[in-house]
């Protein structure tokens, strides 16, 4: 189990939604994440950059029918941080006792 720790990078609502969306997946296409969060490309890019800067997501690009597609994956570090953040939120809410 991940160590319970509040993570201010993940805590922002859009970044929390991004991490939660990616958690059960190997990777997701940028457009799928954008549509799920119902945000603009620029808003999503900003949040993904912040997650990338701390090592929580990685990107890969592929061409599909001649068009560039970006895929996003939650790293092991990102998965651990998300799990720890969720545990800390549960602890704060009184749902988990030490």
N, C-alpha and C. Protein backbone atom coordinates (compact mmCIF):
# COMPACT_ATOMS: atom_id res chain seq x y z
N UNK A 1 0.84 -1.18 0.00
CA UNK A 1 0.00 0.00 0.00
C UNK A 1 0.89 1.25 0.00
N UNK A 2 0.49 2.27 -0.74
CA UNK A 2 1.24 3.52 -0.80
C UNK A 2 1.14 4.24 0.53
N UNK A 3 2.20 4.95 0.86
CA UNK A 3 2.22 5.72 2.09
C UNK A 3 1.27 6.91 1.93
N UNK A 4 0.38 7.09 2.90
CA UNK A 4 -0.58 8.19 2.85
C UNK A 4 0.17 9.51 2.90
N UNK A 5 -0.02 10.33 1.88
CA UNK A 5 0.67 11.61 1.81
C UNK A 5 -0.13 12.54 0.92
N UNK A 6 -0.47 13.72 1.45
CA UNK A 6 -1.16 14.73 0.67
C UNK A 6 -0.22 15.22 -0.42
N UNK A 7 -0.71 15.28 -1.64
CA UNK A 7 0.11 15.70 -2.77
C UNK A 7 -0.54 16.90 -3.43
N UNK A 8 0.05 18.08 -3.23
CA UNK A 8 -0.56 19.30 -3.75
C UNK A 8 -0.55 19.35 -5.28
N UNK A 9 0.36 18.64 -5.92
CA UNK A 9 0.35 18.60 -7.39
C UNK A 9 -0.88 17.85 -7.88
N UNK A 10 -1.17 16.72 -7.30
CA UNK A 10 -2.32 15.92 -7.72
C UNK A 10 -3.63 16.53 -7.25
N UNK A 11 -3.62 17.24 -6.14
CA UNK A 11 -4.86 17.68 -5.51
C UNK A 11 -5.72 18.62 -6.36
N UNK A 12 -5.13 19.40 -7.23
CA UNK A 12 -5.92 20.31 -8.08
C UNK A 12 -6.96 19.47 -8.83
N UNK A 13 -8.21 19.90 -8.86
CA UNK A 13 -9.28 19.06 -9.42
C UNK A 13 -9.01 18.46 -10.79
N UNK A 14 -8.53 19.24 -11.74
CA UNK A 14 -8.27 18.67 -13.07
C UNK A 14 -7.15 17.64 -13.04
N UNK A 15 -6.10 17.91 -12.27
CA UNK A 15 -4.99 16.94 -12.21
C UNK A 15 -5.42 15.67 -11.48
N UNK A 16 -6.25 15.80 -10.46
CA UNK A 16 -6.77 14.63 -9.77
C UNK A 16 -7.62 13.79 -10.73
N UNK A 17 -8.45 14.46 -11.52
CA UNK A 17 -9.27 13.74 -12.50
C UNK A 17 -8.40 13.06 -13.57
N UNK A 18 -7.35 13.73 -14.01
CA UNK A 18 -6.45 13.14 -15.00
C UNK A 18 -5.84 11.87 -14.44
N UNK A 19 -5.29 11.95 -13.24
CA UNK A 19 -4.63 10.79 -12.63
C UNK A 19 -5.63 9.66 -12.39
N UNK A 20 -6.81 10.00 -11.91
CA UNK A 20 -7.83 8.98 -11.66
C UNK A 20 -8.28 8.33 -12.97
N UNK A 21 -8.39 9.11 -14.02
CA UNK A 21 -8.78 8.58 -15.34
C UNK A 21 -7.71 7.62 -15.87
N UNK A 22 -6.45 7.99 -15.69
CA UNK A 22 -5.34 7.17 -16.22
C UNK A 22 -5.04 5.94 -15.36
N UNK A 23 -5.39 5.98 -14.09
CA UNK A 23 -4.98 4.91 -13.16
C UNK A 23 -5.34 3.50 -13.62
N UNK A 24 -6.54 3.24 -14.12
CA UNK A 24 -6.84 1.86 -14.53
C UNK A 24 -6.36 1.53 -15.95
N UNK A 25 -5.76 2.49 -16.62
CA UNK A 25 -5.36 2.30 -18.02
C UNK A 25 -3.86 2.21 -18.17
N UNK A 26 -3.43 1.59 -19.26
CA UNK A 26 -2.01 1.59 -19.59
C UNK A 26 -1.62 2.96 -20.11
N UNK A 27 -2.47 3.51 -20.98
CA UNK A 27 -2.29 4.85 -21.51
C UNK A 27 -3.61 5.31 -22.11
N UNK A 28 -3.71 6.61 -22.36
CA UNK A 28 -4.93 7.16 -22.97
C UNK A 28 -4.52 8.26 -23.95
N UNK A 29 -5.31 8.40 -24.99
CA UNK A 29 -5.05 9.44 -25.97
C UNK A 29 -5.43 10.81 -25.39
N UNK A 30 -4.64 11.81 -25.72
CA UNK A 30 -4.87 13.17 -25.26
C UNK A 30 -6.33 13.59 -25.44
N UNK A 31 -6.87 13.33 -26.63
CA UNK A 31 -8.25 13.74 -26.92
C UNK A 31 -9.26 13.06 -26.00
N UNK A 32 -9.02 11.81 -25.65
CA UNK A 32 -9.94 11.10 -24.75
C UNK A 32 -9.94 11.73 -23.36
N UNK A 33 -8.76 12.12 -22.90
CA UNK A 33 -8.66 12.77 -21.59
C UNK A 33 -9.35 14.13 -21.65
N UNK A 34 -9.08 14.89 -22.72
CA UNK A 34 -9.70 16.21 -22.89
C UNK A 34 -11.22 16.10 -22.87
N UNK A 35 -11.74 15.12 -23.60
CA UNK A 35 -13.19 14.95 -23.66
C UNK A 35 -13.77 14.51 -22.32
N UNK A 36 -13.07 13.65 -21.62
CA UNK A 36 -13.53 13.18 -20.31
C UNK A 36 -13.60 14.34 -19.31
N UNK A 37 -12.61 15.22 -19.33
CA UNK A 37 -12.57 16.35 -18.40
C UNK A 37 -13.39 17.54 -18.89
N UNK A 38 -13.73 17.52 -20.18
CA UNK A 38 -14.47 18.62 -20.80
C UNK A 38 -13.72 19.95 -20.63
N UNK A 39 -12.45 19.93 -21.04
CA UNK A 39 -11.60 21.12 -20.98
C UNK A 39 -11.00 21.37 -22.36
N UNK A 40 -10.41 22.54 -22.53
CA UNK A 40 -9.76 22.87 -23.80
C UNK A 40 -8.40 22.18 -23.89
N UNK A 41 -7.85 22.13 -25.09
CA UNK A 41 -6.52 21.56 -25.29
C UNK A 41 -5.49 22.29 -24.43
N UNK A 42 -5.58 23.62 -24.38
CA UNK A 42 -4.57 24.39 -23.64
C UNK A 42 -4.66 24.13 -22.14
N UNK A 43 -5.86 24.00 -21.60
CA UNK A 43 -6.01 23.71 -20.17
C UNK A 43 -5.44 22.33 -19.85
N UNK A 44 -5.77 21.33 -20.68
CA UNK A 44 -5.24 19.99 -20.46
C UNK A 44 -3.72 19.97 -20.58
N UNK A 45 -3.19 20.64 -21.59
CA UNK A 45 -1.74 20.68 -21.78
C UNK A 45 -1.04 21.26 -20.57
N UNK A 46 -1.59 22.32 -20.01
CA UNK A 46 -1.00 22.95 -18.83
C UNK A 46 -0.95 21.97 -17.66
N UNK A 47 -2.04 21.27 -17.41
CA UNK A 47 -2.08 20.33 -16.29
C UNK A 47 -1.17 19.12 -16.54
N UNK A 48 -1.14 18.64 -17.76
CA UNK A 48 -0.25 17.52 -18.07
C UNK A 48 1.21 17.91 -17.91
N UNK A 49 1.55 19.13 -18.28
CA UNK A 49 2.93 19.61 -18.12
C UNK A 49 3.32 19.62 -16.65
N UNK A 50 2.41 20.06 -15.79
CA UNK A 50 2.71 20.07 -14.36
C UNK A 50 2.91 18.65 -13.82
N UNK A 51 2.11 17.71 -14.31
CA UNK A 51 2.27 16.31 -13.90
C UNK A 51 3.55 15.73 -14.46
N UNK A 52 3.90 16.11 -15.67
CA UNK A 52 5.15 15.63 -16.28
C UNK A 52 6.36 16.17 -15.52
N UNK A 53 6.30 17.43 -15.12
CA UNK A 53 7.43 18.06 -14.42
C UNK A 53 7.82 17.34 -13.14
N UNK A 54 6.86 16.68 -12.49
CA UNK A 54 7.16 15.95 -11.25
C UNK A 54 7.29 14.44 -11.50
N UNK A 55 7.23 14.05 -12.77
CA UNK A 55 7.44 12.65 -13.12
C UNK A 55 6.24 11.75 -12.98
N UNK A 56 5.03 12.32 -12.97
CA UNK A 56 3.83 11.51 -12.78
C UNK A 56 3.22 10.99 -14.08
N UNK A 57 3.53 11.62 -15.20
CA UNK A 57 3.04 11.14 -16.49
C UNK A 57 4.17 11.17 -17.52
N UNK A 58 4.01 10.34 -18.52
CA UNK A 58 4.90 10.37 -19.68
C UNK A 58 4.05 10.44 -20.93
N UNK A 59 4.68 10.86 -22.02
CA UNK A 59 3.99 11.02 -23.29
C UNK A 59 4.65 10.19 -24.36
N UNK A 60 3.86 9.75 -25.31
CA UNK A 60 4.39 9.13 -26.52
C UNK A 60 3.53 9.63 -27.67
N UNK A 61 4.15 9.72 -28.83
CA UNK A 61 3.43 10.22 -30.00
C UNK A 61 3.46 9.18 -31.10
N UNK A 62 2.34 9.05 -31.79
CA UNK A 62 2.24 8.16 -32.93
C UNK A 62 1.49 8.87 -34.04
N UNK A 63 1.66 8.36 -35.24
CA UNK A 63 0.89 8.90 -36.36
C UNK A 63 -0.22 7.92 -36.69
N UNK A 64 -1.42 8.45 -36.81
CA UNK A 64 -2.58 7.66 -37.19
C UNK A 64 -3.19 8.35 -38.40
N UNK A 65 -3.22 7.63 -39.51
CA UNK A 65 -3.73 8.21 -40.76
C UNK A 65 -3.07 9.55 -41.08
N UNK A 66 -1.76 9.63 -40.85
CA UNK A 66 -1.01 10.83 -41.15
C UNK A 66 -1.14 11.95 -40.13
N UNK A 67 -1.91 11.73 -39.09
CA UNK A 67 -2.10 12.76 -38.05
C UNK A 67 -1.38 12.35 -36.78
N UNK A 68 -0.71 13.31 -36.18
CA UNK A 68 0.02 13.08 -34.94
C UNK A 68 -0.97 12.91 -33.79
N UNK A 69 -0.78 11.85 -33.00
CA UNK A 69 -1.60 11.59 -31.81
C UNK A 69 -0.68 11.49 -30.60
N UNK A 70 -1.11 12.09 -29.50
CA UNK A 70 -0.31 12.01 -28.28
C UNK A 70 -1.02 11.11 -27.28
N UNK A 71 -0.25 10.22 -26.70
CA UNK A 71 -0.74 9.29 -25.70
C UNK A 71 -0.10 9.65 -24.36
N UNK A 72 -0.85 9.49 -23.29
CA UNK A 72 -0.40 9.85 -21.95
C UNK A 72 -0.49 8.62 -21.07
N UNK A 73 0.55 8.39 -20.28
CA UNK A 73 0.56 7.26 -19.36
C UNK A 73 0.94 7.75 -17.96
N UNK A 74 0.30 7.19 -16.97
CA UNK A 74 0.64 7.47 -15.58
C UNK A 74 1.85 6.60 -15.22
N UNK A 75 2.89 7.21 -14.69
CA UNK A 75 4.09 6.47 -14.32
C UNK A 75 3.88 5.72 -13.01
N UNK A 76 4.81 4.87 -12.68
CA UNK A 76 4.75 4.16 -11.39
C UNK A 76 4.76 5.18 -10.25
N UNK A 77 5.59 6.19 -10.39
CA UNK A 77 5.65 7.25 -9.38
C UNK A 77 4.30 7.97 -9.28
N UNK A 78 3.68 8.22 -10.42
CA UNK A 78 2.37 8.86 -10.45
C UNK A 78 1.30 8.00 -9.80
N UNK A 79 1.36 6.69 -10.07
CA UNK A 79 0.39 5.76 -9.47
C UNK A 79 0.55 5.73 -7.95
N UNK A 80 1.80 5.68 -7.50
CA UNK A 80 2.06 5.66 -6.06
C UNK A 80 1.62 6.97 -5.40
N UNK A 81 1.89 8.09 -6.06
CA UNK A 81 1.49 9.39 -5.51
C UNK A 81 -0.03 9.49 -5.43
N UNK A 82 -0.73 9.03 -6.47
CA UNK A 82 -2.19 9.06 -6.46
C UNK A 82 -2.74 8.19 -5.34
N UNK A 83 -2.22 6.99 -5.21
CA UNK A 83 -2.70 6.08 -4.15
C UNK A 83 -2.45 6.69 -2.77
N UNK A 84 -1.28 7.27 -2.57
CA UNK A 84 -0.98 7.91 -1.29
C UNK A 84 -1.87 9.10 -1.02
N UNK A 85 -2.14 9.88 -2.06
CA UNK A 85 -3.00 11.05 -1.92
C UNK A 85 -4.42 10.63 -1.54
N UNK A 86 -4.93 9.62 -2.21
CA UNK A 86 -6.28 9.13 -1.91
C UNK A 86 -6.34 8.60 -0.47
N UNK A 87 -5.32 7.87 -0.04
CA UNK A 87 -5.29 7.38 1.34
C UNK A 87 -5.28 8.53 2.34
N UNK A 88 -4.51 9.58 2.02
CA UNK A 88 -4.46 10.73 2.92
C UNK A 88 -5.81 11.45 2.96
N UNK A 89 -6.48 11.58 1.82
CA UNK A 89 -7.81 12.19 1.82
C UNK A 89 -8.79 11.38 2.65
N UNK A 90 -8.70 10.06 2.56
CA UNK A 90 -9.56 9.20 3.38
C UNK A 90 -9.25 9.40 4.86
N UNK A 91 -7.97 9.49 5.19
CA UNK A 91 -7.58 9.70 6.59
C UNK A 91 -8.11 11.04 7.09
N UNK A 92 -7.94 12.08 6.29
CA UNK A 92 -8.41 13.40 6.67
C UNK A 92 -9.94 13.39 6.87
N UNK A 93 -10.63 12.68 6.00
CA UNK A 93 -12.09 12.61 6.09
C UNK A 93 -12.57 11.68 7.20
N UNK A 94 -11.63 11.02 7.86
CA UNK A 94 -12.00 10.13 8.96
C UNK A 94 -12.47 8.76 8.51
N UNK A 95 -12.16 8.42 7.27
CA UNK A 95 -12.60 7.12 6.74
C UNK A 95 -11.60 6.01 7.03
N UNK A 96 -10.37 6.38 7.40
CA UNK A 96 -9.33 5.41 7.71
C UNK A 96 -8.69 5.81 9.03
N UNK A 97 -8.45 4.85 9.87
CA UNK A 97 -7.77 5.14 11.12
C UNK A 97 -6.40 4.49 11.08
N UNK A 98 -5.45 5.14 11.71
CA UNK A 98 -4.08 4.59 11.73
C UNK A 98 -3.94 3.43 12.66
